């Protein structure tokens, strides 16, 4: 019976992990601006470099070496926006 229970738990984990990976949620992180160009900027976050968009109210305020909050709208690295300067 233990083998059957192990297989059942393994199946449940596969289904749950698949559903979690499909979830669409927003995540935020802190990074340092490497450079800016108009409404685009490059931000270093945890050792990686990410292209981000600057909203209209921040594009003239954010500059190189600023610390910013970056929001990943779908938590899939496709749409990152700077939402605040710290």
C-alpha atoms as a PDB file:
ATOM      1  CA  UNK A   1       0.000   0.000   0.000  1.00  0.00           C
ATOM      2  CA  UNK A   2       2.926   2.361   0.630  1.00  0.00           C
ATOM      3  CA  UNK A   3       3.987   2.240  -3.041  1.00  0.00           C
ATOM      4  CA  UNK A   4       0.452   3.179  -4.112  1.00  0.00           C
ATOM      5  CA  UNK A   5       0.424   6.105  -1.660  1.00  0.00           C
ATOM      6  CA  UNK A   6       3.815   7.308  -2.910  1.00  0.00           C
ATOM      7  CA  UNK A   7       2.571   7.227  -6.531  1.00  0.00           C
ATOM      8  CA  UNK A   8      -0.584   9.114  -5.548  1.00  0.00           C
ATOM      9  CA  UNK A   9       1.438  11.828  -3.771  1.00  0.00           C
ATOM     10  CA  UNK A  10       3.798  12.064  -6.748  1.00  0.00           C
ATOM     11  CA  UNK A  11       0.821  12.513  -9.107  1.00  0.00           C
ATOM     12  CA  UNK A  12      -0.679  15.234  -6.921  1.00  0.00           C
ATOM     13  CA  UNK A  13       2.680  17.068  -6.808  1.00  0.00           C
ATOM     14  CA  UNK A  14       2.924  16.971 -10.618  1.00  0.00           C
ATOM     15  CA  UNK A  15      -0.543  18.456 -11.030  1.00  0.00           C
ATOM     16  CA  UNK A  16      -0.025  21.144  -8.381  1.00  0.00           C
ATOM     17  CA  UNK A  17       3.408  22.144  -9.731  1.00  0.00           C
ATOM     18  CA  UNK A  18       1.963  22.402 -13.239  1.00  0.00           C
ATOM     19  CA  UNK A  19      -0.830  24.663 -12.025  1.00  0.00           C
ATOM     20  CA  UNK A  20       1.566  26.839 -10.022  1.00  0.00           C
ATOM     21  CA  UNK A  21       3.794  27.324 -13.078  1.00  0.00           C
ATOM     22  CA  UNK A  22       0.772  28.527 -15.086  1.00  0.00           C
ATOM     23  CA  UNK A  23      -0.270  31.099 -12.463  1.00  0.00           C
ATOM     24  CA  UNK A  24      -0.101  34.706 -13.563  1.00  0.00           C
ATOM     25  CA  UNK A  25       1.018  37.024 -10.772  1.00  0.00           C
ATOM     26  CA  UNK A  26       3.134  40.140 -10.313  1.00  0.00           C
ATOM     27  CA  UNK A  27       6.473  40.082  -8.533  1.00  0.00           C
ATOM     28  CA  UNK A  28       8.690  42.957  -7.414  1.00  0.00           C
ATOM     29  CA  UNK A  29      12.426  43.262  -6.820  1.00  0.00           C
ATOM     30  CA  UNK A  30      15.035  45.894  -6.042  1.00  0.00           C
ATOM     31  CA  UNK A  31      17.830  46.711  -8.487  1.00  0.00           C
ATOM     32  CA  UNK A  32      20.442  49.242  -9.598  1.00  0.00           C
ATOM     33  CA  UNK A  33      20.096  51.154 -12.857  1.00  0.00           C
ATOM     34  CA  UNK A  34      22.994  50.489 -15.238  1.00  0.00           C
ATOM     35  CA  UNK A  35      21.873  52.935 -17.925  1.00  0.00           C
ATOM     36  CA  UNK A  36      18.791  54.644 -19.333  1.00  0.00           C
ATOM     37  CA  UNK A  37      17.644  55.658 -22.797  1.00  0.00           C
ATOM     38  CA  UNK A  38      14.301  57.446 -23.041  1.00  0.00           C
ATOM     39  CA  UNK A  39      11.648  55.111 -21.670  1.00  0.00           C
ATOM     40  CA  UNK A  40      14.000  52.097 -21.578  1.00  0.00           C
ATOM     41  CA  UNK A  41      16.570  51.192 -18.964  1.00  0.00           C
ATOM     42  CA  UNK A  42      18.863  48.350 -18.010  1.00  0.00           C
ATOM     43  CA  UNK A  43      18.673  47.286 -14.361  1.00  0.00           C
ATOM     44  CA  UNK A  44      20.946  44.914 -12.443  1.00  0.00           C
ATOM     45  CA  UNK A  45      18.941  42.634 -10.164  1.00  0.00           C
ATOM     46  CA  UNK A  46      20.661  39.893  -8.138  1.00  0.00           C
ATOM     47  CA  UNK A  47      23.605  39.730 -10.520  1.00  0.00           C
ATOM     48  CA  UNK A  48      21.501  39.606 -13.712  1.00  0.00           C
ATOM     49  CA  UNK A  49      20.764  42.441 -16.144  1.00  0.00           C
ATOM     50  CA  UNK A  50      17.188  43.099 -17.224  1.00  0.00           C
ATOM     51  CA  UNK A  51      15.622  45.444 -19.772  1.00  0.00           C
ATOM     52  CA  UNK A  52      12.871  47.469 -18.157  1.00  0.00           C
ATOM     53  CA  UNK A  53      10.453  50.182 -19.192  1.00  0.00           C
ATOM     54  CA  UNK A  54      10.193  53.529 -17.427  1.00  0.00           C
ATOM     55  CA  UNK A  55       6.757  55.106 -16.991  1.00  0.00           C
ATOM     56  CA  UNK A  56       6.288  58.669 -18.195  1.00  0.00           C
ATOM     57  CA  UNK A  57       6.468  60.188 -14.701  1.00  0.00           C
ATOM     58  CA  UNK A  58       9.842  58.493 -13.976  1.00  0.00           C
ATOM     59  CA  UNK A  59      11.738  58.575 -17.278  1.00  0.00           C
ATOM     60  CA  UNK A  60      13.311  61.972 -16.582  1.00  0.00           C
ATOM     61  CA  UNK A  61      13.932  61.238 -12.872  1.00  0.00           C
ATOM     62  CA  UNK A  62      15.693  57.860 -12.973  1.00  0.00           C
ATOM     63  CA  UNK A  63      19.385  57.820 -13.890  1.00  0.00           C
ATOM     64  CA  UNK A  64      22.485  55.596 -13.749  1.00  0.00           C
ATOM     65  CA  UNK A  65      23.265  54.030 -10.338  1.00  0.00           C
ATOM     66  CA  UNK A  66      19.814  54.819  -8.882  1.00  0.00           C
ATOM     67  CA  UNK A  67      18.213  52.114  -6.764  1.00  0.00           C
ATOM     68  CA  UNK A  68      14.758  51.255  -8.110  1.00  0.00           C
ATOM     69  CA  UNK A  69      11.831  48.923  -7.538  1.00  0.00           C
ATOM     70  CA  UNK A  70      11.138  46.780 -10.593  1.00  0.00           C
ATOM     71  CA  UNK A  71       7.845  45.010 -11.099  1.00  0.00           C
ATOM     72  CA  UNK A  72       7.561  41.940 -13.326  1.00  0.00           C
ATOM     73  CA  UNK A  73       3.926  42.120 -14.384  1.00  0.00           C
ATOM     74  CA  UNK A  74       3.425  38.437 -15.206  1.00  0.00           C
ATOM     75  CA  UNK A  75       6.409  36.983 -13.329  1.00  0.00           C
ATOM     76  CA  UNK A  76       7.800  35.597 -16.590  1.00  0.00           C
ATOM     77  CA  UNK A  77      10.495  38.188 -17.485  1.00  0.00           C
ATOM     78  CA  UNK A  78       8.547  39.568 -20.460  1.00  0.00           C
ATOM     79  CA  UNK A  79       7.217  42.856 -19.040  1.00  0.00           C
ATOM     80  CA  UNK A  80       9.344  44.576 -16.413  1.00  0.00           C
ATOM     81  CA  UNK A  81       8.631  48.136 -15.328  1.00  0.00           C
ATOM     82  CA  UNK A  82      10.411  50.463 -12.930  1.00  0.00           C
ATOM     83  CA  UNK A  83       7.697  51.574 -10.539  1.00  0.00           C
ATOM     84  CA  UNK A  84       9.673  53.598  -7.996  1.00  0.00           C
ATOM     85  CA  UNK A  85      13.011  55.193  -7.282  1.00  0.00           C
ATOM     86  CA  UNK A  86      14.394  54.683  -3.795  1.00  0.00           C
END
